Amino acid sequence: MDWSIPRDQWVARLKEFTNRNAGRRTVMEEDAPAMGAQEMEHDFPLRGVSYDHRDGRIDIMLGDMASTDRHVTRTIDEPLSVDLLRGPDGRDQALRIRHHQDAQTVLRLLRNG
């Protein structure tokens, strides 16, 4: 099931997404016309996803929960839409964020996470 999240619910829904999925292993992909689709990271645990409405940006934080030695933060300026993909079992499978110039960032949650 694909679910588009209304902008006025991004703060609350991304917090709920984080609470449900913190610690799950992820794959983050970037897809933009200029570069095509590329995997940006693989197998980092999810630390959190948040929307700052004042700055108009979404932050995706990945990395080991007990340390800051291994971490990645992806900041998405000017997000246009946020979609959540859930499997038939109701478990979150991916978060898709569309942003400027027909680009998108996809955060897939691995099954074993």
PDB file of N, CA and C in Angstrom:
ATOM      1  N   MET A   1       0.845  -1.167   0.000  1.00  0.00           N
ATOM      2  CA  MET A   1       0.000   0.000   0.000  1.00  0.00           C
ATOM      3  C   MET A   1       0.897   1.240   0.000  1.00  0.00           C
ATOM      4  N   ASP A   2       0.618   2.155  -0.914  1.00  0.00           N
ATOM      5  CA  ASP A   2       1.357   3.399  -1.040  1.00  0.00           C
ATOM      6  C   ASP A   2       0.512   4.507  -0.419  1.00  0.00           C
ATOM      7  N   TRP A   3       1.124   5.326   0.407  1.00  0.00           N
ATOM      8  CA  TRP A   3       0.375   6.333   1.141  1.00  0.00           C
ATOM      9  C   TRP A   3       1.104   7.660   1.061  1.00  0.00           C
ATOM     10  N   SER A   4       0.467   8.655   0.466  1.00  0.00           N
ATOM     11  CA  SER A   4       1.029   9.998   0.391  1.00  0.00           C
ATOM     12  C   SER A   4       0.697  10.740   1.684  1.00  0.00           C
ATOM     13  N   ILE A   5       1.709  11.344   2.283  1.00  0.00           N
ATOM     14  CA  ILE A   5       1.520  12.047   3.559  1.00  0.00           C
ATOM     15  C   ILE A   5       1.315  13.532   3.272  1.00  0.00           C
ATOM     16  N   PRO A   6       0.189  14.111   3.707  1.00  0.00           N
ATOM     17  CA  PRO A   6      -0.027  15.546   3.513  1.00  0.00           C
ATOM     18  C   PRO A   6       1.046  16.366   4.248  1.00  0.00           C
ATOM     19  N   ARG A   7       1.463  17.467   3.650  1.00  0.00           N
ATOM     20  CA  ARG A   7       2.539  18.296   4.201  1.00  0.00           C
ATOM     21  C   ARG A   7       2.273  18.708   5.644  1.00  0.00           C
ATOM     22  N   ASP A   8       1.030  19.022   5.980  1.00  0.00           N
ATOM     23  CA  ASP A   8       0.738  19.476   7.344  1.00  0.00           C
ATOM     24  C   ASP A   8       0.848  18.361   8.380  1.00  0.00           C
ATOM     25  N   GLN A   9       1.099  17.120   7.917  1.00  0.00           N
ATOM     26  CA  GLN A   9       1.277  15.987   8.819  1.00  0.00           C
ATOM     27  C   GLN A   9       2.713  15.444   8.822  1.00  0.00           C
ATOM     28  N   TRP A  10       3.615  16.065   8.063  1.00  0.00           N
ATOM     29  CA  TRP A  10       4.982  15.545   7.956  1.00  0.00           C
ATOM     30  C   TRP A  10       5.674  15.422   9.307  1.00  0.00           C
ATOM     31  N   VAL A  11       5.578  16.422  10.155  1.00  0.00           N
ATOM     32  CA  VAL A  11       6.273  16.380  11.457  1.00  0.00           C
ATOM     33  C   VAL A  11       5.806  15.165  12.248  1.00  0.00           C
ATOM     34  N   ALA A  12       4.511  15.017  12.420  1.00  0.00           N
ATOM     35  CA  ALA A  12       3.965  13.925  13.233  1.00  0.00           C
ATOM     36  C   ALA A  12       4.197  12.563  12.591  1.00  0.00           C
ATOM     37  N   ARG A  13       3.947  12.438  11.286  1.00  0.00           N
ATOM     38  CA  ARG A  13       4.066  11.128  10.621  1.00  0.00           C
ATOM     39  C   ARG A  13       5.520  10.661  10.543  1.00  0.00           C
ATOM     40  N   LEU A  14       6.462  11.582  10.333  1.00  0.00           N
ATOM     41  CA  LEU A  14       7.873  11.181  10.304  1.00  0.00           C
ATOM     42  C   LEU A  14       8.363  10.787  11.692  1.00  0.00           C
ATOM     43  N   LYS A  15       7.829  11.425  12.725  1.00  0.00           N
ATOM     44  CA  LYS A  15       8.160  11.015  14.092  1.00  0.00           C
ATOM     45  C   LYS A  15       7.624   9.606  14.363  1.00  0.00           C
ATOM     46  N   GLU A  16       6.405   9.331  13.938  1.00  0.00           N
ATOM     47  CA  GLU A  16       5.831   7.992  14.097  1.00  0.00           C
ATOM     48  C   GLU A  16       6.632   6.958  13.303  1.00  0.00           C
ATOM     49  N   PHE A  17       7.028   7.314  12.071  1.00  0.00           N
ATOM     50  CA  PHE A  17       7.851   6.439  11.241  1.00  0.00           C
ATOM     51  C   PHE A  17       9.152   6.100  11.968  1.00  0.00           C
ATOM     52  N   THR A  18       9.791   7.116  12.544  1.00  0.00           N
ATOM     53  CA  THR A  18      11.032   6.902  13.301  1.00  0.00           C
ATOM     54  C   THR A  18      10.787   5.974  14.485  1.00  0.00           C
ATOM     55  N   ASN A  19       9.742   6.218  15.245  1.00  0.00           N
ATOM     56  CA  ASN A  19       9.450   5.390  16.422  1.00  0.00           C
ATOM     57  C   ASN A  19       9.214   3.930  16.046  1.00  0.00           C
ATOM     58  N   ARG A  20       8.562   3.695  14.912  1.00  0.00           N
ATOM     59  CA  ARG A  20       8.289   2.314  14.473  1.00  0.00           C
ATOM     60  C   ARG A  20       9.524   1.612  13.936  1.00  0.00           C
ATOM     61  N   ASN A  21      10.460   2.373  13.369  1.00  0.00           N
ATOM     62  CA  ASN A  21      11.527   1.752  12.585  1.00  0.00           C
ATOM     63  C   ASN A  21      12.949   2.028  13.049  1.00  0.00           C
ATOM     64  N   ALA A  22      13.140   2.776  14.124  1.00  0.00           N
ATOM     65  CA  ALA A  22      14.494   3.074  14.604  1.00  0.00           C
ATOM     66  C   ALA A  22      15.252   1.771  14.833  1.00  0.00           C
ATOM     67  N   GLY A  23      16.475   1.730  14.313  1.00  0.00           N
ATOM     68  CA  GLY A  23      17.317   0.554  14.455  1.00  0.00           C
ATOM     69  C   GLY A  23      17.235  -0.411  13.288  1.00  0.00           C
ATOM     70  N   ARG A  24      16.207  -0.294  12.459  1.00  0.00           N
ATOM     71  CA  ARG A  24      16.111  -1.175  11.284  1.00  0.00           C
ATOM     72  C   ARG A  24      17.182  -0.816  10.268  1.00  0.00           C
ATOM     73  N   ARG A  25      17.716  -1.808   9.598  1.00  0.00           N
ATOM     74  CA  ARG A  25      18.735  -1.615   8.566  1.00  0.00           C
ATOM     75  C   ARG A  25      18.090  -1.016   7.317  1.00  0.00           C
ATOM     76  N   THR A  26      18.856  -0.194   6.606  1.00  0.00           N
ATOM     77  CA  THR A  26      18.312   0.558   5.486  1.00  0.00           C
ATOM     78  C   THR A  26      19.202   0.501   4.250  1.00  0.00           C
ATOM     79  N   VAL A  27      18.614   0.914   3.140  1.00  0.00           N
ATOM     80  CA  VAL A  27      19.333   1.223   1.907  1.00  0.00           C
ATOM     81  C   VAL A  27      18.790   2.570   1.457  1.00  0.00           C
ATOM     82  N   MET A  28      19.674   3.535   1.204  1.00  0.00           N
ATOM     83  CA  MET A  28      19.243   4.849   0.732  1.00  0.00           C
ATOM     84  C   MET A  28      19.695   5.026  -0.709  1.00  0.00           C
ATOM     85  N   GLU A  29      18.732   5.403  -1.562  1.00  0.00           N
ATOM     86  CA  GLU A  29      19.005   5.601  -2.975  1.00  0.00           C
ATOM     87  C   GLU A  29      18.627   7.017  -3.381  1.00  0.00           C
ATOM     88  N   GLU A  30      19.410   7.569  -4.282  1.00  0.00           N
ATOM     89  CA  GLU A  30      19.118   8.873  -4.883  1.00  0.00           C
ATOM     90  C   GLU A  30      18.820   8.627  -6.355  1.00  0.00           C
ATOM     91  N   ASP A  31      17.811   9.298  -6.857  1.00  0.00           N
ATOM     92  CA  ASP A  31      17.448   9.182  -8.265  1.00  0.00           C
ATOM     93  C   ASP A  31      17.203  10.582  -8.793  1.00  0.00           C
ATOM     94  N   ALA A  32      18.050  11.008  -9.726  1.00  0.00           N
ATOM     95  CA  ALA A  32      17.934  12.347 -10.314  1.00  0.00           C
ATOM     96  C   ALA A  32      18.242  12.242 -11.804  1.00  0.00           C
ATOM     97  N   PRO A  33      17.567  13.022 -12.628  1.00  0.00           N
ATOM     98  CA  PRO A  33      17.800  12.948 -14.075  1.00  0.00           C
ATOM     99  C   PRO A  33      19.271  13.130 -14.460  1.00  0.00           C
ATOM    100  N   ALA A  34      19.988  13.986 -13.766  1.00  0.00           N
ATOM    101  CA  ALA A  34      21.384  14.267 -14.133  1.00  0.00           C
ATOM    102  C   ALA A  34      22.326  13.099 -13.843  1.00  0.00           C
ATOM    103  N   MET A  35      21.993  12.263 -12.851  1.00  0.00           N
ATOM    104  CA  MET A  35      22.932  11.198 -12.469  1.00  0.00           C
ATOM    105  C   MET A  35      22.318   9.807 -12.517  1.00  0.00           C
ATOM    106  N   GLY A  36      21.012   9.698 -12.684  1.00  0.00           N
ATOM    107  CA  GLY A  36      20.356   8.399 -12.653  1.00  0.00           C
ATOM    108  C   GLY A  36      20.178   7.931 -11.225  1.00  0.00           C
ATOM    109  N   ALA A  37      19.840   6.659 -11.073  1.00  0.00           N
ATOM    110  CA  ALA A  37      19.636   6.085  -9.739  1.00  0.00           C
ATOM    111  C   ALA A  37      20.957   5.548  -9.206  1.00  0.00           C
ATOM    112  N   GLN A  38      21.258   5.902  -7.941  1.00  0.00           N
ATOM    113  CA  GLN A  38      22.494   5.437  -7.308  1.00  0.00           C
ATOM    114  C   GLN A  38      22.227   5.088  -5.856  1.00  0.00           C
ATOM    115  N   GLU A  39      22.814   3.998  -5.418  1.00  0.00           N
ATOM    116  CA  GLU A  39      22.737   3.629  -4.009  1.00  0.00           C
ATOM    117  C   GLU A  39      23.756   4.469  -3.255  1.00  0.00           C
ATOM    118  N   MET A  40      23.275   5.200  -2.221  1.00  0.00           N
ATOM    119  CA  MET A  40      24.142   6.087  -1.464  1.00  0.00           C
ATOM    120  C   MET A  40      24.671   5.447  -0.179  1.00  0.00           C
ATOM    121  N   GLU A  41      23.925   4.512   0.350  1.00  0.00           N
ATOM    122  CA  GLU A  41      24.382   3.766   1.529  1.00  0.00           C
ATOM    123  C   GLU A  41      23.637   2.449   1.578  1.00  0.00           C
ATOM    124  N   HIS A  42      24.220   1.513   2.308  1.00  0.00           N
ATOM    125  CA  HIS A  42      23.630   0.190   2.440  1.00  0.00           C
ATOM    126  C   HIS A  42      23.917  -0.349   3.838  1.00  0.00           C
ATOM    127  N   ASP A  43      22.876  -0.808   4.497  1.00  0.00           N
ATOM    128  CA  ASP A  43      22.998  -1.532   5.766  1.00  0.00           C
ATOM    129  C   ASP A  43      23.299  -0.649   6.980  1.00  0.00           C
ATOM    130  N   PHE A  44      22.978   0.642   6.897  1.00  0.00           N
ATOM    131  CA  PHE A  44      23.078   1.497   8.079  1.00  0.00           C
ATOM    132  C   PHE A  44      21.748   1.423   8.832  1.00  0.00           C
ATOM    133  N   PRO A  45      21.764   1.386  10.165  1.00  0.00           N
ATOM    134  CA  PRO A  45      20.507   1.422  10.919  1.00  0.00           C
ATOM    135  C   PRO A  45      19.885   2.826  10.889  1.00  0.00           C
ATOM    136  N   LEU A  46      18.570   2.862  10.911  1.00  0.00           N
ATOM    137  CA  LEU A  46      17.846   4.119  10.949  1.00  0.00           C
ATOM    138  C   LEU A  46      17.936   4.719  12.346  1.00  0.00           C
ATOM    139  N   ARG A  47      18.350   5.969  12.411  1.00  0.00           N
ATOM    140  CA  ARG A  47      18.322   6.725  13.672  1.00  0.00           C
ATOM    141  C   ARG A  47      17.095   7.616  13.733  1.00  0.00           C
ATOM    142  N   GLY A  48      16.721   8.205  12.594  1.00  0.00           N
ATOM    143  CA  GLY A  48      15.536   9.043  12.602  1.00  0.00           C
ATOM    144  C   GLY A  48      15.326   9.802  11.311  1.00  0.00           C
ATOM    145  N   VAL A  49      14.083  10.242  11.114  1.00  0.00           N
ATOM    146  CA  VAL A  49      13.708  11.097   9.994  1.00  0.00           C
ATOM    147  C   VAL A  49      12.869  12.227  10.578  1.00  0.00           C
ATOM    148  N   SER A  50      13.186  13.470  10.207  1.00  0.00           N
ATOM    149  CA  SER A  50      12.434  14.596  10.754  1.00  0.00           C
ATOM    150  C   SER A  50      12.246  15.671   9.695  1.00  0.00           C
ATOM    151  N   TYR A  51      11.191  16.456   9.891  1.00  0.00           N
ATOM    152  CA  TYR A  51      10.908  17.598   9.025  1.00  0.00           C
ATOM    153  C   TYR A  51      10.960  18.861   9.854  1.00  0.00           C
ATOM    154  N   ASP A  52      11.766  19.825   9.403  1.00  0.00           N
ATOM    155  CA  ASP A  52      11.849  21.134  10.038  1.00  0.00           C
ATOM    156  C   ASP A  52      11.076  22.106   9.162  1.00  0.00           C
ATOM    157  N   HIS A  53       9.871  22.464   9.571  1.00  0.00           N
ATOM    158  CA  HIS A  53       9.032  23.329   8.742  1.00  0.00           C
ATOM    159  C   HIS A  53       9.574  24.759   8.660  1.00  0.00           C
ATOM    160  N   ARG A  54      10.338  25.204   9.641  1.00  0.00           N
ATOM    161  CA  ARG A  54      10.913  26.555   9.587  1.00  0.00           C
ATOM    162  C   ARG A  54      11.973  26.656   8.491  1.00  0.00           C
ATOM    163  N   ASP A  55      12.824  25.636   8.391  1.00  0.00           N
ATOM    164  CA  ASP A  55      13.880  25.630   7.378  1.00  0.00           C
ATOM    165  C   ASP A  55      13.429  24.956   6.082  1.00  0.00           C
ATOM    166  N   GLY A  56      12.268  24.298   6.105  1.00  0.00           N
ATOM    167  CA  GLY A  56      11.753  23.630   4.916  1.00  0.00           C
ATOM    168  C   GLY A  56      12.636  22.493   4.443  1.00  0.00           C
ATOM    169  N   ARG A  57      13.062  21.648   5.386  1.00  0.00           N
ATOM    170  CA  ARG A  57      13.944  20.537   5.003  1.00  0.00           C
ATOM    171  C   ARG A  57      13.602  19.274   5.787  1.00  0.00           C
ATOM    172  N   ILE A  58      13.967  18.151   5.195  1.00  0.00           N
ATOM    173  CA  ILE A  58      13.838  16.845   5.842  1.00  0.00           C
ATOM    174  C   ILE A  58      15.242  16.314   6.073  1.00  0.00           C
ATOM    175  N   ASP A  59      15.500  15.800   7.276  1.00  0.00           N
ATOM    176  CA  ASP A  59      16.778  15.160   7.598  1.00  0.00           C
ATOM    177  C   ASP A  59      16.552  13.677   7.816  1.00  0.00           C
ATOM    178  N   ILE A  60      17.390  12.871   7.173  1.00  0.00           N
ATOM    179  CA  ILE A  60      17.407  11.420   7.387  1.00  0.00           C
ATOM    180  C   ILE A  60      18.720  11.111   8.086  1.00  0.00           C
ATOM    181  N   MET A  61      18.633  10.570   9.308  1.00  0.00           N
ATOM    182  CA  MET A  61      19.831  10.252  10.084  1.00  0.00           C
ATOM    183  C   MET A  61      19.970   8.732  10.183  1.00  0.00           C
ATOM    184  N   LEU A  62      21.134   8.243   9.763  1.00  0.00           N
ATOM    185  CA  LEU A  62      21.422   6.816   9.784  1.00  0.00           C
ATOM    186  C   LEU A  62      22.729   6.584  10.521  1.00  0.00           C
ATOM    187  N   GLY A  63      22.836   5.444  11.183  1.00  0.00           N
ATOM    188  CA  GLY A  63      24.097   5.095  11.826  1.00  0.00           C
ATOM    189  C   GLY A  63      23.899   4.273  13.070  1.00  0.00           C
ATOM    190  N   ASP A  64      25.009   3.791  13.590  1.00  0.00           N
ATOM    191  CA  ASP A  64      24.984   2.974  14.795  1.00  0.00           C
ATOM    192  C   ASP A  64      24.406   3.773  15.955  1.00  0.00           C
ATOM    193  N   MET A  65      23.513   3.174  16.696  1.00  0.00           N
ATOM    194  CA  MET A  65      22.813   3.861  17.775  1.00  0.00           C
ATOM    195  C   MET A  65      23.728   4.208  18.948  1.00  0.00           C
ATOM    196  N   ALA A  66      24.732   3.384  19.217  1.00  0.00           N
ATOM    197  CA  ALA A  66      25.584   3.571  20.390  1.00  0.00           C
ATOM    198  C   ALA A  66      26.822   4.421  20.110  1.00  0.00           C
ATOM    199  N   SER A  67      26.998   4.854  18.856  1.00  0.00           N
ATOM    200  CA  SER A  67      28.223   5.559  18.505  1.00  0.00           C
ATOM    201  C   SER A  67      27.953   6.545  17.372  1.00  0.00           C
ATOM    202  N   THR A  68      28.788   7.557  17.272  1.00  0.00           N
ATOM    203  CA  THR A  68      28.704   8.480  16.143  1.00  0.00           C
ATOM    204  C   THR A  68      29.837   8.227  15.153  1.00  0.00           C
ATOM    205  N   ASP A  69      30.602   7.152  15.356  1.00  0.00           N
ATOM    206  CA  ASP A  69      31.721   6.850  14.471  1.00  0.00           C
ATOM    207  C   ASP A  69      31.261   6.533  13.050  1.00  0.00           C
ATOM    208  N   ARG A  70      30.152   5.845  12.942  1.00  0.00           N
ATOM    209  CA  ARG A  70      29.649   5.418  11.637  1.00  0.00           C
ATOM    210  C   ARG A  70      28.245   5.984  11.467  1.00  0.00           C
ATOM    211  N   HIS A  71      28.141   7.107  10.731  1.00  0.00           N
ATOM    212  CA  HIS A  71      26.829   7.716  10.549  1.00  0.00           C
ATOM    213  C   HIS A  71      26.756   8.495   9.239  1.00  0.00           C
ATOM    214  N   VAL A  72      25.526   8.705   8.781  1.00  0.00           N
ATOM    215  CA  VAL A  72      25.247   9.472   7.573  1.00  0.00           C
ATOM    216  C   VAL A  72      24.026  10.330   7.863  1.00  0.00           C
ATOM    217  N   THR A  73      24.067  11.582   7.471  1.00  0.00           N
ATOM    218  CA  THR A  73      22.881  12.430   7.528  1.00  0.00           C
ATOM    219  C   THR A  73      22.642  12.969   6.128  1.00  0.00           C
ATOM    220  N   ARG A  74      21.434  12.765   5.639  1.00  0.00           N
ATOM    221  CA  ARG A  74      21.039  13.287   4.329  1.00  0.00           C
ATOM    222  C   ARG A  74      20.012  14.381   4.563  1.00  0.00           C
ATOM    223  N   THR A  75      20.338  15.592   4.158  1.00  0.00           N
ATOM    224  CA  THR A  75      19.424  16.723   4.276  1.00  0.00           C
ATOM    225  C   THR A  75      18.809  16.991   2.914  1.00  0.00           C
ATOM    226  N   ILE A  76      17.484  17.045   2.894  1.00  0.00           N
ATOM    227  CA  ILE A  76      16.753  17.277   1.655  1.00  0.00           C
ATOM    228  C   ILE A  76      16.078  18.641   1.770  1.00  0.00           C
ATOM    229  N   ASP A  77      16.597  19.597   1.022  1.00  0.00           N
ATOM    230  CA  ASP A  77      16.017  20.933   0.997  1.00  0.00           C
ATOM    231  C   ASP A  77      14.839  20.960   0.031  1.00  0.00           C
ATOM    232  N   GLU A  78      13.847  21.747   0.358  1.00  0.00           N
ATOM    233  CA  GLU A  78      12.684  21.958  -0.486  1.00  0.00           C
ATOM    234  C   GLU A  78      11.979  20.666  -0.906  1.00  0.00           C
ATOM    235  N   PRO A  79      11.638  19.800   0.044  1.00  0.00           N
ATOM    236  CA  PRO A  79      10.908  18.585  -0.326  1.00  0.00           C
ATOM    237  C   PRO A  79       9.541  18.942  -0.894  1.00  0.00           C
ATOM    238  N   LEU A  80       9.109  18.165  -1.887  1.00  0.00           N
ATOM    239  CA  LEU A  80       7.827  18.409  -2.541  1.00  0.00           C
ATOM    240  C   LEU A  80       6.737  17.459  -2.068  1.00  0.00           C
ATOM    241  N   SER A  81       7.121  16.205  -1.824  1.00  0.00           N
ATOM    242  CA  SER A  81       6.143  15.225  -1.345  1.00  0.00           C
ATOM    243  C   SER A  81       6.855  14.122  -0.573  1.00  0.00           C
ATOM    244  N   VAL A  82       6.083  13.465   0.303  1.00  0.00           N
ATOM    245  CA  VAL A  82       6.584  12.344   1.095  1.00  0.00           C
ATOM    246  C   VAL A  82       5.571  11.219   0.961  1.00  0.00           C
ATOM    247  N   ASP A  83       6.049  10.052   0.556  1.00  0.00           N
ATOM    248  CA  ASP A  83       5.207   8.877   0.397  1.00  0.00           C
ATOM    249  C   ASP A  83       5.758   7.735   1.229  1.00  0.00           C
ATOM    250  N   LEU A  84       4.867   6.968   1.806  1.00  0.00           N
ATOM    251  CA  LEU A  84       5.222   5.804   2.611  1.00  0.00           C
ATOM    252  C   LEU A  84       4.696   4.562   1.921  1.00  0.00           C
ATOM    253  N   LEU A  85       5.546   3.563   1.764  1.00  0.00           N
ATOM    254  CA  LEU A  85       5.147   2.293   1.176  1.00  0.00           C
ATOM    255  C   LEU A  85       5.135   1.244   2.281  1.00  0.00           C
ATOM    256  N   ARG A  86       3.989   0.590   2.428  1.00  0.00           N
ATOM    257  CA  ARG A  86       3.846  -0.485   3.413  1.00  0.00           C
ATOM    258  C   ARG A  86       3.558  -1.790   2.700  1.00  0.00           C
ATOM    259  N   GLY A  87       4.044  -2.867   3.272  1.00  0.00           N
ATOM    260  CA  GLY A  87       3.804  -4.183   2.708  1.00  0.00           C
ATOM    261  C   GLY A  87       2.418  -4.698   3.076  1.00  0.00           C
ATOM    262  N   PRO A  88       2.043  -5.856   2.537  1.00  0.00           N
ATOM    263  CA  PRO A  88       0.734  -6.451   2.829  1.00  0.00           C
ATOM    264  C   PRO A  88       0.538  -6.736   4.323  1.00  0.00           C
ATOM    265  N   ASP A  89       1.658  -6.913   5.036  1.00  0.00           N
ATOM    266  CA  ASP A  89       1.585  -7.178   6.470  1.00  0.00           C
ATOM    267  C   ASP A  89       1.454  -5.890   7.294  1.00  0.00           C
ATOM    268  N   GLY A  90       1.447  -4.722   6.615  1.00  0.00           N
ATOM    269  CA  GLY A  90       1.310  -3.441   7.304  1.00  0.00           C
ATOM    270  C   GLY A  90       2.628  -2.847   7.771  1.00  0.00           C
ATOM    271  N   ARG A  91       3.716  -3.581   7.569  1.00  0.00           N
ATOM    272  CA  ARG A  91       5.035  -3.110   7.994  1.00  0.00           C
ATOM    273  C   ARG A  91       5.609  -2.135   6.974  1.00  0.00           C
ATOM    274  N   ASP A  92       6.240  -1.064   7.461  1.00  0.00           N
ATOM    275  CA  ASP A  92       6.856  -0.075   6.574  1.00  0.00           C
ATOM    276  C   ASP A  92       7.944  -0.733   5.731  1.00  0.00           C
ATOM    277  N   GLN A  93       7.942  -0.408   4.421  1.00  0.00           N
ATOM    278  CA  GLN A  93       8.956  -0.937   3.507  1.00  0.00           C
ATOM    279  C   GLN A  93       9.880   0.157   2.968  1.00  0.00           C
ATOM    280  N   ALA A  94       9.317   1.354   2.732  1.00  0.00           N
ATOM    281  CA  ALA A  94      10.141   2.425   2.148  1.00  0.00           C
ATOM    282  C   ALA A  94       9.500   3.778   2.383  1.00  0.00           C
ATOM    283  N   LEU A  95      10.356   4.785   2.364  1.00  0.00           N
ATOM    284  CA  LEU A  95       9.934   6.176   2.435  1.00  0.00           C
ATOM    285  C   LEU A  95      10.514   6.860   1.204  1.00  0.00           C
ATOM    286  N   ARG A  96       9.647   7.529   0.431  1.00  0.00           N
ATOM    287  CA  ARG A  96      10.098   8.220  -0.781  1.00  0.00           C
ATOM    288  C   ARG A  96       9.857   9.718  -0.606  1.00  0.00           C
ATOM    289  N   ILE A  97      10.914  10.499  -0.843  1.00  0.00           N
ATOM    290  CA  ILE A  97      10.819  11.945  -0.734  1.00  0.00           C
ATOM    291  C   ILE A  97      11.172  12.529  -2.095  1.00  0.00           C
ATOM    292  N   ARG A  98      10.204  13.188  -2.693  1.00  0.00           N
ATOM    293  CA  ARG A  98      10.452  13.860  -3.974  1.00  0.00           C
ATOM    294  C   ARG A  98      10.885  15.284  -3.674  1.00  0.00           C
ATOM    295  N   HIS A  99      11.877  15.737  -4.436  1.00  0.00           N
ATOM    296  CA  HIS A  99      12.377  17.088  -4.222  1.00  0.00           C
ATOM    297  C   HIS A  99      12.701  17.744  -5.548  1.00  0.00           C
ATOM    298  N   HIS A 100      13.388  18.851  -5.525  1.00  0.00           N
ATOM    299  CA  HIS A 100      13.612  19.707  -6.682  1.00  0.00           C
ATOM    300  C   HIS A 100      14.211  18.981  -7.892  1.00  0.00           C
ATOM    301  N   GLN A 101      13.904  19.522  -9.065  1.00  0.00           N
ATOM    302  CA  GLN A 101      14.446  19.055 -10.343  1.00  0.00           C
ATOM    303  C   GLN A 101      14.158  17.580 -10.606  1.00  0.00           C
ATOM    304  N   ASP A 102      12.950  17.132 -10.292  1.00  0.00           N
ATOM    305  CA  ASP A 102      12.504  15.756 -10.552  1.00  0.00           C
ATOM    306  C   ASP A 102      13.362  14.700  -9.867  1.00  0.00           C
ATOM    307  N   ALA A 103      14.002  15.051  -8.768  1.00  0.00           N
ATOM    308  CA  ALA A 103      14.827  14.098  -8.022  1.00  0.00           C
ATOM    309  C   ALA A 103      14.007  13.477  -6.892  1.00  0.00           C
ATOM    310  N   GLN A 104      14.470  12.331  -6.427  1.00  0.00           N
ATOM    311  CA  GLN A 104      13.849  11.705  -5.266  1.00  0.00           C
ATOM    312  C   GLN A 104      14.895  10.936  -4.471  1.00  0.00           C
ATOM    313  N   THR A 105      14.636  10.863  -3.177  1.00  0.00           N
ATOM    314  CA  THR A 105      15.436  10.059  -2.266  1.00  0.00           C
ATOM    315  C   THR A 105      14.521   8.960  -1.758  1.00  0.00           C
ATOM    316  N   VAL A 106      14.998   7.712  -1.839  1.00  0.00           N
ATOM    317  CA  VAL A 106      14.211   6.569  -1.380  1.00  0.00           C
ATOM    318  C   VAL A 106      14.991   5.881  -0.269  1.00  0.00           C
ATOM    319  N   LEU A 107      14.342   5.736   0.871  1.00  0.00           N
ATOM    320  CA  LEU A 107      14.921   5.018   2.001  1.00  0.00           C
ATOM    321  C   LEU A 107      14.172   3.699   2.129  1.00  0.00           C
ATOM    322  N   ARG A 108      14.838   2.608   1.762  1.00  0.00           N
ATOM    323  CA  ARG A 108      14.212   1.285   1.872  1.00  0.00           C
ATOM    324  C   ARG A 108      14.611   0.654   3.202  1.00  0.00           C
ATOM    325  N   LEU A 109      13.660   0.019   3.834  1.00  0.00           N
ATOM    326  CA  LEU A 109      13.890  -0.679   5.104  1.00  0.00           C
ATOM    327  C   LEU A 109      14.050  -2.173   4.796  1.00  0.00           C
ATOM    328  N   LEU A 110      15.131  -2.734   5.242  1.00  0.00           N
ATOM    329  CA  LEU A 110      15.413  -4.140   4.943  1.00  0.00           C
ATOM    330  C   LEU A 110      14.547  -5.058   5.801  1.00  0.00           C
ATOM    331  N   ARG A 111      14.154  -6.185   5.246  1.00  0.00           N
ATOM    332  CA  ARG A 111      13.250  -7.128   5.916  1.00  0.00           C
ATOM    333  C   ARG A 111      13.835  -7.672   7.214  1.00  0.00           C
ATOM    334  N   ASN A 112      15.129  -7.904   7.222  1.00  0.00           N
ATOM    335  CA  ASN A 112      15.736  -8.521   8.413  1.00  0.00           C
ATOM    336  C   ASN A 112      16.011  -7.523   9.517  1.00  0.00           C
ATOM    337  N   GLY A 113      15.650  -6.255   9.284  1.00  0.00           N
ATOM    338  CA  GLY A 113      15.918  -5.201  10.267  1.00  0.00           C
ATOM    339  C   GLY A 113      14.855  -5.106  11.305  1.00  0.00           C
TER     340      GLY A 113
END
